[in-house]
C-alpha atoms as a PDB file:
ATOM      1  CA  MET A   1     -46.214-111.267 145.995  1.00  0.00           C
ATOM      2  CA  GLU A   2     -43.948-107.646 146.367  1.00  0.00           C
ATOM      3  CA  GLU A   3     -40.212-108.532 145.929  1.00  0.00           C
ATOM      4  CA  LEU A   4     -38.329-107.648 148.647  1.00  0.00           C
ATOM      5  CA  THR A   5     -34.729-106.270 148.342  1.00  0.00           C
ATOM      6  CA  ILE A   6     -31.637-107.635 151.091  1.00  0.00           C
ATOM      7  CA  GLU A   7     -28.489-106.254 151.565  1.00  0.00           C
ATOM      8  CA  VAL A   8     -25.936-109.609 151.879  1.00  0.00           C
ATOM      9  CA  GLN A   9     -22.161-110.072 152.796  1.00  0.00           C
ATOM     10  CA  LYS A  10     -19.909-112.811 151.442  1.00  0.00           C
ATOM     11  CA  ARG A  11     -19.165-115.125 154.216  1.00  0.00           C
ATOM     12  CA  GLU A  12     -15.232-116.413 154.563  1.00  0.00           C
ATOM     13  CA  VAL A  13     -15.859-118.876 157.070  1.00  0.00           C
ATOM     14  CA  THR A  14     -17.601-121.449 157.799  1.00  0.00           C
ATOM     15  CA  GLY A  15     -18.277-124.690 160.169  1.00  0.00           C
ATOM     16  CA  ASP A  16     -20.473-124.705 163.113  1.00  0.00           C
ATOM     17  CA  GLY A  17     -18.528-122.916 165.862  1.00  0.00           C
ATOM     18  CA  PRO A  18     -18.122-119.453 163.290  1.00  0.00           C
ATOM     19  CA  CYS A  19     -22.304-119.664 162.263  1.00  0.00           C
ATOM     20  CA  ARG A  20     -22.844-119.864 165.827  1.00  0.00           C
ATOM     21  CA  ARG A  21     -20.531-116.590 166.454  1.00  0.00           C
ATOM     22  CA  LEU A  22     -22.346-115.118 164.071  1.00  0.00           C
ATOM     23  CA  ARG A  23     -25.814-115.347 164.776  1.00  0.00           C
ATOM     24  CA  GLN A  24     -24.934-114.242 168.210  1.00  0.00           C
ATOM     25  CA  ALA A  25     -23.598-111.322 166.666  1.00  0.00           C
ATOM     26  CA  GLY A  26     -27.294-110.344 164.577  1.00  0.00           C
ATOM     27  CA  TRP A  27     -25.930-112.502 161.821  1.00  0.00           C
ATOM     28  CA  VAL A  28     -28.029-115.293 160.014  1.00  0.00           C
ATOM     29  CA  PRO A  29     -25.371-117.555 157.897  1.00  0.00           C
ATOM     30  CA  GLY A  30     -26.714-118.918 154.891  1.00  0.00           C
ATOM     31  CA  VAL A  31     -26.105-120.180 150.946  1.00  0.00           C
ATOM     32  CA  VAL A  32     -26.808-119.036 147.444  1.00  0.00           C
ATOM     33  CA  TYR A  33     -27.340-121.386 144.949  1.00  0.00           C
ATOM     34  CA  GLY A  34     -28.761-122.701 141.603  1.00  0.00           C
ATOM     35  CA  GLY A  35     -29.101-120.615 138.333  1.00  0.00           C
ATOM     36  CA  GLY A  36     -25.850-122.342 136.940  1.00  0.00           C
ATOM     37  CA  ARG A  37     -23.236-120.726 139.304  1.00  0.00           C
ATOM     38  CA  ASP A  38     -21.152-121.962 141.876  1.00  0.00           C
ATOM     39  CA  PRO A  39     -23.058-121.574 145.726  1.00  0.00           C
ATOM     40  CA  MET A  40     -21.896-118.647 147.425  1.00  0.00           C
ATOM     41  CA  ALA A  41     -21.729-118.752 151.340  1.00  0.00           C
ATOM     42  CA  ILE A  42     -23.594-115.591 152.292  1.00  0.00           C
ATOM     43  CA  GLN A  43     -24.608-113.873 155.874  1.00  0.00           C
ATOM     44  CA  ILE A  44     -27.467-111.582 156.483  1.00  0.00           C
ATOM     45  CA  GLU A  45     -29.235-109.451 159.106  1.00  0.00           C
ATOM     46  CA  MET A  46     -31.275-111.371 161.275  1.00  0.00           C
ATOM     47  CA  LEU A  47     -34.230-112.439 159.008  1.00  0.00           C
ATOM     48  CA  ALA A  48     -38.024-112.647 160.242  1.00  0.00           C
ATOM     49  CA  LYS A  49     -40.088-116.271 159.303  1.00  0.00           C
ATOM     50  CA  GLY A  50     -43.010-115.300 158.864  1.00  0.00           C
ATOM     51  CA  GLY A  51     -44.112-113.710 154.885  1.00  0.00           C
ATOM     52  CA  ALA A  52     -40.682-115.585 153.566  1.00  0.00           C
ATOM     53  CA  GLU A  53     -42.849-118.328 151.940  1.00  0.00           C
ATOM     54  CA  ASN A  54     -42.652-117.895 147.786  1.00  0.00           C
ATOM     55  CA  ARG A  55     -41.640-114.201 148.574  1.00  0.00           C
ATOM     56  CA  VAL A  56     -39.120-113.029 145.622  1.00  0.00           C
ATOM     57  CA  PHE A  57     -35.840-111.266 147.151  1.00  0.00           C
ATOM     58  CA  LEU A  58     -33.597-109.296 145.807  1.00  0.00           C
ATOM     59  CA  LEU A  59     -30.242-109.621 146.929  1.00  0.00           C
ATOM     60  CA  LYS A  60     -27.506-107.260 146.695  1.00  0.00           C
ATOM     61  CA  LEU A  61     -23.599-108.006 147.525  1.00  0.00           C
ATOM     62  CA  ALA A  62     -22.402-105.360 149.795  1.00  0.00           C
ATOM     63  CA  GLY A  63     -19.916-103.559 148.202  1.00  0.00           C
ATOM     64  CA  THR A  64     -20.562-104.317 144.695  1.00  0.00           C
ATOM     65  CA  ASP A  65     -23.058-103.592 142.021  1.00  0.00           C
ATOM     66  CA  LYS A  66     -24.167-107.099 142.093  1.00  0.00           C
ATOM     67  CA  SER A  67     -27.578-108.613 142.344  1.00  0.00           C
ATOM     68  CA  ARG A  68     -29.677-111.560 142.214  1.00  0.00           C
ATOM     69  CA  HIS A  69     -33.206-112.602 142.337  1.00  0.00           C
ATOM     70  CA  THR A  70     -33.923-115.757 144.830  1.00  0.00           C
ATOM     71  CA  MET A  71     -36.380-117.303 146.742  1.00  0.00           C
ATOM     72  CA  ILE A  72     -35.860-119.089 149.794  1.00  0.00           C
ATOM     73  CA  ARG A  73     -35.957-123.193 149.422  1.00  0.00           C
ATOM     74  CA  ASP A  74     -35.272-124.047 153.394  1.00  0.00           C
ATOM     75  CA  LEU A  75     -35.001-122.032 156.618  1.00  0.00           C
ATOM     76  CA  GLN A  76     -33.524-123.777 159.649  1.00  0.00           C
ATOM     77  CA  VAL A  77     -35.359-122.268 162.677  1.00  0.00           C
ATOM     78  CA  ASP A  78     -34.250-122.618 166.503  1.00  0.00           C
ATOM     79  CA  PRO A  79     -38.168-125.002 167.670  1.00  0.00           C
ATOM     80  CA  VAL A  80     -37.761-122.717 171.239  1.00  0.00           C
ATOM     81  CA  SER A  81     -36.796-119.286 170.195  1.00  0.00           C
ATOM     82  CA  ARG A  82     -38.008-119.428 166.479  1.00  0.00           C
ATOM     83  CA  HIS A  83     -35.070-117.558 165.481  1.00  0.00           C
ATOM     84  CA  VAL A  84     -33.967-118.576 162.013  1.00  0.00           C
ATOM     85  CA  LEU A  85     -30.581-120.124 162.372  1.00  0.00           C
ATOM     86  CA  HIS A  86     -29.693-120.786 158.540  1.00  0.00           C
ATOM     87  CA  VAL A  87     -31.049-119.845 154.901  1.00  0.00           C
ATOM     88  CA  ASP A  88     -30.680-120.943 151.556  1.00  0.00           C
ATOM     89  CA  PHE A  89     -31.564-119.618 148.651  1.00  0.00           C
ATOM     90  CA  GLN A  90     -32.219-120.656 144.961  1.00  0.00           C
ATOM     91  CA  ARG A  91     -31.540-118.007 142.104  1.00  0.00           C
ATOM     92  CA  VAL A  92     -34.137-117.470 139.601  1.00  0.00           C
ATOM     93  CA  LEU A  93     -34.883-115.505 136.783  1.00  0.00           C
ATOM     94  CA  MET A  94     -37.882-113.429 136.462  1.00  0.00           C
ATOM     95  CA  ASP A  95     -38.636-114.488 132.602  1.00  0.00           C
ATOM     96  CA  ALA A  96     -38.920-118.607 133.589  1.00  0.00           C
ATOM     97  CA  LYS A  97     -41.242-120.292 135.220  1.00  0.00           C
ATOM     98  CA  VAL A  98     -40.822-121.800 138.075  1.00  0.00           C
ATOM     99  CA  ARG A  99     -43.264-124.157 140.901  1.00  0.00           C
ATOM    100  CA  VAL A 100     -44.233-123.733 144.472  1.00  0.00           C
ATOM    101  CA  LYS A 101     -46.834-124.286 146.708  1.00  0.00           C
ATOM    102  CA  VAL A 102     -49.689-121.903 147.672  1.00  0.00           C
ATOM    103  CA  ARG A 103     -51.231-121.834 150.916  1.00  0.00           C
ATOM    104  CA  VAL A 104     -55.040-122.387 150.436  1.00  0.00           C
ATOM    105  CA  GLU A 105     -57.538-119.688 152.807  1.00  0.00           C
ATOM    106  CA  VAL A 106     -61.100-120.473 153.409  1.00  0.00           C
ATOM    107  CA  ALA A 107     -63.742-117.914 153.560  1.00  0.00           C
ATOM    108  CA  GLY A 108     -66.572-117.118 154.861  1.00  0.00           C
ATOM    109  CA  THR A 109     -69.176-120.033 156.561  1.00  0.00           C
ATOM    110  CA  ALA A 110     -70.413-122.584 154.321  1.00  0.00           C
ATOM    111  CA  TRP A 111     -74.192-122.968 154.490  1.00  0.00           C
ATOM    112  CA  GLY A 112     -75.068-126.364 155.402  1.00  0.00           C
ATOM    113  CA  VAL A 113     -72.297-125.860 158.540  1.00  0.00           C
ATOM    114  CA  LYS A 114     -74.432-122.816 159.701  1.00  0.00           C
ATOM    115  CA  ASN A 115     -78.212-124.079 158.533  1.00  0.00           C
ATOM    116  CA  GLU A 116     -77.923-127.939 158.105  1.00  0.00           C
ATOM    117  CA  GLY A 117     -75.122-129.133 161.076  1.00  0.00           C
ATOM    118  CA  GLY A 118     -72.619-130.110 158.438  1.00  0.00           C
ATOM    119  CA  LEU A 119     -69.548-130.241 159.092  1.00  0.00           C
ATOM    120  CA  LEU A 120     -65.926-128.092 157.385  1.00  0.00           C
ATOM    121  CA  ASP A 121     -63.842-130.645 155.883  1.00  0.00           C
ATOM    122  CA  PHE A 122     -60.283-128.619 155.012  1.00  0.00           C
ATOM    123  CA  MET A 123     -58.979-131.305 153.091  1.00  0.00           C
ATOM    124  CA  SER A 124     -55.862-129.389 150.468  1.00  0.00           C
ATOM    125  CA  ARG A 125     -54.221-126.774 153.041  1.00  0.00           C
ATOM    126  CA  GLU A 126     -51.730-125.853 150.323  1.00  0.00           C
ATOM    127  CA  LEU A 127     -51.834-126.362 146.292  1.00  0.00           C
ATOM    128  CA  GLU A 128     -48.968-126.620 143.595  1.00  0.00           C
ATOM    129  CA  VAL A 129     -48.847-123.258 141.049  1.00  0.00           C
ATOM    130  CA  GLU A 130     -46.675-122.523 138.225  1.00  0.00           C
ATOM    131  CA  CYS A 131     -46.243-118.961 136.787  1.00  0.00           C
ATOM    132  CA  LEU A 132     -43.409-117.104 136.678  1.00  0.00           C
ATOM    133  CA  PRO A 133     -41.755-115.638 140.014  1.00  0.00           C
ATOM    134  CA  GLY A 134     -43.407-112.098 139.769  1.00  0.00           C
ATOM    135  CA  ARG A 135     -46.748-113.843 139.352  1.00  0.00           C
ATOM    136  CA  ILE A 136     -46.743-116.178 142.965  1.00  0.00           C
ATOM    137  CA  PRO A 137     -50.288-115.705 144.696  1.00  0.00           C
ATOM    138  CA  GLU A 138     -49.377-114.923 148.075  1.00  0.00           C
ATOM    139  CA  GLU A 139     -52.825-117.308 148.747  1.00  0.00           C
ATOM    140  CA  ILE A 140     -55.710-119.335 147.006  1.00  0.00           C
ATOM    141  CA  ARG A 141     -59.146-118.331 148.390  1.00  0.00           C
ATOM    142  CA  VAL A 142     -62.252-120.706 148.206  1.00  0.00           C
ATOM    143  CA  ASP A 143     -65.262-118.859 149.162  1.00  0.00           C
ATOM    144  CA  VAL A 144     -67.143-121.844 150.632  1.00  0.00           C
ATOM    145  CA  SER A 145     -70.308-118.910 151.693  1.00  0.00           C
ATOM    146  CA  GLU A 146     -73.022-121.761 149.441  1.00  0.00           C
ATOM    147  CA  LEU A 147     -71.823-125.171 150.071  1.00  0.00           C
ATOM    148  CA  ARG A 148     -74.213-127.266 151.086  1.00  0.00           C
ATOM    149  CA  ALA A 149     -73.647-130.538 153.033  1.00  0.00           C
ATOM    150  CA  GLY A 150     -72.536-133.602 150.865  1.00  0.00           C
ATOM    151  CA  GLN A 151     -71.136-130.853 148.572  1.00  0.00           C
ATOM    152  CA  HIS A 152     -67.150-130.143 147.539  1.00  0.00           C
ATOM    153  CA  VAL A 153     -64.687-127.530 145.568  1.00  0.00           C
ATOM    154  CA  ARG A 154     -62.356-129.530 143.866  1.00  0.00           C
ATOM    155  CA  VAL A 155     -59.332-127.850 141.844  1.00  0.00           C
ATOM    156  CA  ALA A 156     -60.875-127.569 138.681  1.00  0.00           C
ATOM    157  CA  ASP A 157     -63.723-125.043 140.439  1.00  0.00           C
ATOM    158  CA  LEU A 158     -61.623-122.622 141.413  1.00  0.00           C
ATOM    159  CA  ALA A 159     -60.314-119.416 139.703  1.00  0.00           C
ATOM    160  CA  LEU A 160     -56.374-118.286 139.758  1.00  0.00           C
ATOM    161  CA  PRO A 161     -54.941-115.031 138.688  1.00  0.00           C
ATOM    162  CA  GLU A 162     -54.046-114.668 135.068  1.00  0.00           C
ATOM    163  CA  GLY A 163     -50.661-116.541 134.245  1.00  0.00           C
ATOM    164  CA  VAL A 164     -51.205-118.960 137.138  1.00  0.00           C
ATOM    165  CA  GLU A 165     -51.866-122.517 136.815  1.00  0.00           C
ATOM    166  CA  PHE A 166     -52.373-125.483 138.990  1.00  0.00           C
ATOM    167  CA  ARG A 167     -50.268-128.342 138.700  1.00  0.00           C
ATOM    168  CA  GLU A 168     -52.793-130.569 140.369  1.00  0.00           C
ATOM    169  CA  ASP A 169     -55.311-132.760 139.342  1.00  0.00           C
ATOM    170  CA  PRO A 170     -58.104-131.250 138.318  1.00  0.00           C
ATOM    171  CA  GLU A 171     -60.619-133.578 140.426  1.00  0.00           C
ATOM    172  CA  ARG A 172     -58.705-133.413 143.867  1.00  0.00           C
ATOM    173  CA  VAL A 173     -61.288-132.228 146.512  1.00  0.00           C
ATOM    174  CA  VAL A 174     -59.659-128.807 148.560  1.00  0.00           C
ATOM    175  CA  VAL A 175     -62.729-128.448 150.981  1.00  0.00           C
ATOM    176  CA  ALA A 176     -65.709-130.200 151.521  1.00  0.00           C
ATOM    177  CA  ILE A 177     -69.025-130.741 153.618  1.00  0.00           C
ATOM    178  CA  ALA A 178     -69.845-133.732 155.473  1.00  0.00           C
ATOM    179  CA  HIS A 179     -72.878-134.430 156.905  1.00  0.00           C
ATOM    180  CA  SER A 180     -72.585-134.518 160.643  1.00  0.00           C
ATOM    181  CA  ARG A 181     -73.304-137.987 162.722  1.00  0.00           C
ATOM    182  CA  VAL A 182     -76.437-136.585 164.655  1.00  0.00           C
ATOM    183  CA  ALA A 183     -77.625-136.024 161.410  1.00  0.00           C
ATOM    184  CA  GLU A 184     -76.769-139.136 159.760  1.00  0.00           C
ATOM    185  CA  ALA A 185     -78.770-140.716 162.305  1.00  0.00           C
ATOM    186  CA  ALA A 186     -81.525-138.960 162.680  1.00  0.00           C
ATOM    187  CA  GLU A 187     -82.133-139.458 158.601  1.00  0.00           C
ATOM    188  CA  PRO A 188     -84.983-142.129 158.106  1.00  0.00           C
ATOM    189  CA  GLY A 189     -83.910-145.802 156.773  1.00  0.00           C
ATOM    190  CA  ALA A 190     -80.642-144.621 159.089  1.00  0.00           C
ATOM    191  CA  GLU A 191     -79.234-147.330 161.871  1.00  0.00           C
ATOM    192  CA  GLY A 192     -79.880-144.897 164.229  1.00  0.00           C
ATOM    193  CA  ALA A 193     -83.835-144.170 163.260  1.00  0.00           C
ATOM    194  CA  GLU A 194     -84.402-147.862 162.674  1.00  0.00           C
ATOM    195  CA  THR A 195     -83.254-149.237 166.573  1.00  0.00           C
ATOM    196  CA  ALA A 196     -85.194-145.796 167.903  1.00  0.00           C
ATOM    197  CA  ALA A 197     -88.667-147.373 165.940  1.00  0.00           C
ATOM    198  CA  ALA A 198     -88.136-151.057 167.094  1.00  0.00           C
ATOM    199  CA  GLU A 199     -90.133-152.241 169.222  1.00  0.00           C
ATOM    200  CA  PRO A 200     -89.524-152.012 173.127  1.00  0.00           C
ATOM    201  CA  GLU A 201     -88.340-155.414 174.207  1.00  0.00           C
ATOM    202  CA  VAL A 202     -90.970-156.663 177.177  1.00  0.00           C
ATOM    203  CA  ILE A 203     -89.193-157.797 180.180  1.00  0.00           C
ATOM    204  CA  ARG A 204     -91.361-160.504 181.939  1.00  0.00           C
ATOM    205  CA  ARG A 205     -91.011-160.186 186.211  1.00  0.00           C
ATOM    206  CA  GLY A 206     -91.901-162.919 188.758  1.00  0.00           C
ATOM    207  CA  LYS A 207     -92.129-166.776 187.712  1.00  0.00           C
ATOM    208  CA  ALA A 208     -91.900-167.610 184.237  1.00  0.00           C
ATOM    209  CA  GLU A 209     -95.081-169.813 183.372  1.00  0.00           C
ATOM    210  CA  THR A 210     -94.963-173.646 183.041  1.00  0.00           C
ATOM    211  CA  PRO A 211     -96.711-175.506 180.259  1.00  0.00           C
ATOM    212  CA  GLU A 212     -99.382-178.101 181.392  1.00  0.00           C
ATOM    213  CA  SER A 213     -98.420-181.029 181.222  1.00  0.00           C
END
């Protein structure tokens, strides 16, 4: 994932009131922490939420030659405007591995969905990996084109770029093609089929016959 450089300014004031005024002026308050150093309050220009997941940021402190690689660890977003209200950056070392969650993307249309009436069951929408910050993949693609009804893809079936490893149970199911209920009911021996094959009940009309005395 491509590194993004951002200039930040040291924030001298904290608290709800000053932070609110910063946002009104087009700034986002934040904090940089970790890396064996004291936390530092910062402010940055308005940050777009999309595409920030797992991205490595090189923060450059305005007016100095100081810079530090970081990753976003927390974003507070306004539920209505979707503007970023606060951001926490964690310092990272480019030669030290990190663990992150990467989103899973399904590619293709399963054979079992197109031809067998199966249903796609997307069970794991993100997976944890371990790698150097500069090798974090943007996504993990799962090609389901050849999957038949009743088949699935496990973590162990997926390939990752060089230098990236899963930190998940290899048997964890990522995506599966389930049989549809209609298809199951139509199978020989299924309860629905047995019911359909049973003889219809005969309803007698008129006065019932009584046995002779």
